[in-house]
Amino acid sequence: GKRKQRFPDFVGKERARETHNAPHTQAMQSFMKSFGRTASNNNEGGLDSLEALQTSIDLIESQEKSFDHEKAVHRREERNNHSLYESNIKTDEYQGRLMAATDCLQKKQGRGLLGLCRRLSIDRRRRSSASRRPSSPLSALVNAYVEPSVFARGGSYCLPHPEKADKGGEDAYIMCTAPDGTMITAVLDGVGGWAAVGVDSGMYSRALAERIGIEFDAWVGRQTMMKSRKMPARAFMQESQRPLLTILERAFEHVDDLGIPGTCTACLSLLLPCGKLHVLNLGDSGLRVIRNSRIVFATVEQQVSFNYPRQIGTGSVDIPADGDYAIVDVQTGDLIVTGSDGVWDNVWEHEYLALIRDSRNLEYQTSLDLLAGKIADTAQMRGRDPNYLSPFASNALRAGLTNCLGGKLDDTTVVVQKVWASVASA
C-alpha cells in the first residue's frame, strides 16, 4: 500500500493536513523533505537548518491561522448579508401587506358600523309600533362618528398687548381639522400676573396649545382604530363621552411633567361631523354660537373673584375637570366665535353681532380672518379708551369697585368658524 509520509524526529510525528484550501501545507511538506536531505549530508549545519525550519514552521502556522480567521470572517459576513437580505424581503412583504390592508380599510371604512347602524335602525322601526324604547347609546354613537353631515371653515386673528408685542403676547391658540372633518379649536390665555416674578406665562400657554394638537391627532387615531374594530366599543364610548376633557388632561399632564412655569385659562371646542359641538371652558375666555344674528349658546366665565379667573398650571388648585363641559347642536350657517378675555372684557354683544352682520362672503377663509381681525381691532380700540363703559368696567362696578371706567387693554385672540353641510348630507 501507499506509505504514510513522516517528518524527521526533531520536527515530530505531526501529520500534514491535506486540503486544497491551504496550499502552503504542501510547500511545508516539500521544504521538510529538502531539509531532511540537507541535514543528513551536512551534520554541522543541522542546528542552523533546524532553527531556520522552526522559524519557517512558525511563519506557516501563523499564515494558516490568519487564513482560517479570514475564512471565518468571510463566512460570518455572508451569513449576515443573507440575514439582512431576508430581513429586507420580509420588511418589503410586510409593508406591502400593510399598504394593501390600508387601501382595503379606506375603501371599506365604516361599512361594518354602517351595517350595524342600519340593523339597529331596522330593528327600531320594527319595534316602534309595539313600544317607544330609546335607541341604544352605541347606535347613537356609531351614527355620530360614521355618518358625516357638517364641517367648518375657520379664520383667526391674534393681537398682543402693545407692551408685550416683542415677545408675542401671552395668548395662544390652535385650530386643527381631521380628514373626516372633525375640527378642534383652543384659545389659551396666559395669566399676566406671572410677569411680576419674571415668568412669561405665554411660554406655558404655547406649550399647552402645541400639546393639545398632538393629543387631538392621537384621539383621532383611536377613533379610526375603533371604526376598524381594533378597539373595544366600551372603551370608545367612555372616552368619546367627553373627548375634550381627555385631550386637555393628557396635554396638561405632559406640560406639567416638562416643568414649564405659568398658568393659563382654556376654552376648547370640538366640532364633530354629526353636528355636535363639544365645548370645555375653564376661566374667563369664552365661546359663542351665533345663528341668524342671535346668540344661541354662550359659555359662562369662571372666576374665583373679580379679575381672578380659574386657571390651570403651576401652583394652581384647578384642574381640567373643573371646567364647564357642554354639548351643543349646531346647524349649517352657524358661526362659532371663540375668544380670550381681551374680547369679552371690551366688546359688548350688540357690537360684535353688528360686525358679523356687516361681513360678507363668509364662506371663504380670508373673509373669516378679516372678521376675526375686525373683532380683535375693535376690542383693542375699546381697551385704549379711558372713558368707555366697557363690560369689564360694568362688572367691576357690579363687584363694588369704583374708578374702573374705561376698557381693559389686553392680549386679544379671536377664532371664527362657520358651519357648512357636507357633500354626503347635502
Foldseek 3Di string as FASTA:
>chain_A
DDDADAADPVVHRDHQDDDPLQVVSVVLSVVRVVLVVVCVVDVVCNVVSVVVNVVVVVVSVVVVVVSVVVVVVVVVVVVVVVVVVVVVVVVVVVVVVVVVVVVVCVVCFLVVLVVVLVVQVVVCVVCVVVDNDDGDPLSVVSCQARPFWKAKFKAKDWDFFPVCVVVPHQKDKDWDADPVRKIKIKIKGWDPVCVVVPARQSVVNHQLRVQLVVLVVVLVVVVSCVSVVNDDSVVVVVCVVQVVLVSSQVSLVVSVVVVRATKIWMWMWIQTSNQKIKIWGFAAWKKFKADPLHTPDIDDGAAPAQPHTQIDGPPGPDDSVPTDIDIDGDDAFIKMKTKGVLQQQFDDSVRLSVLVVPQPDPVDRVSNNVSNVVSNVNSQVQQVFQQAQTNSNVVCVVRVHPPSGTTHHGIMMMMMMGMHTDPSND
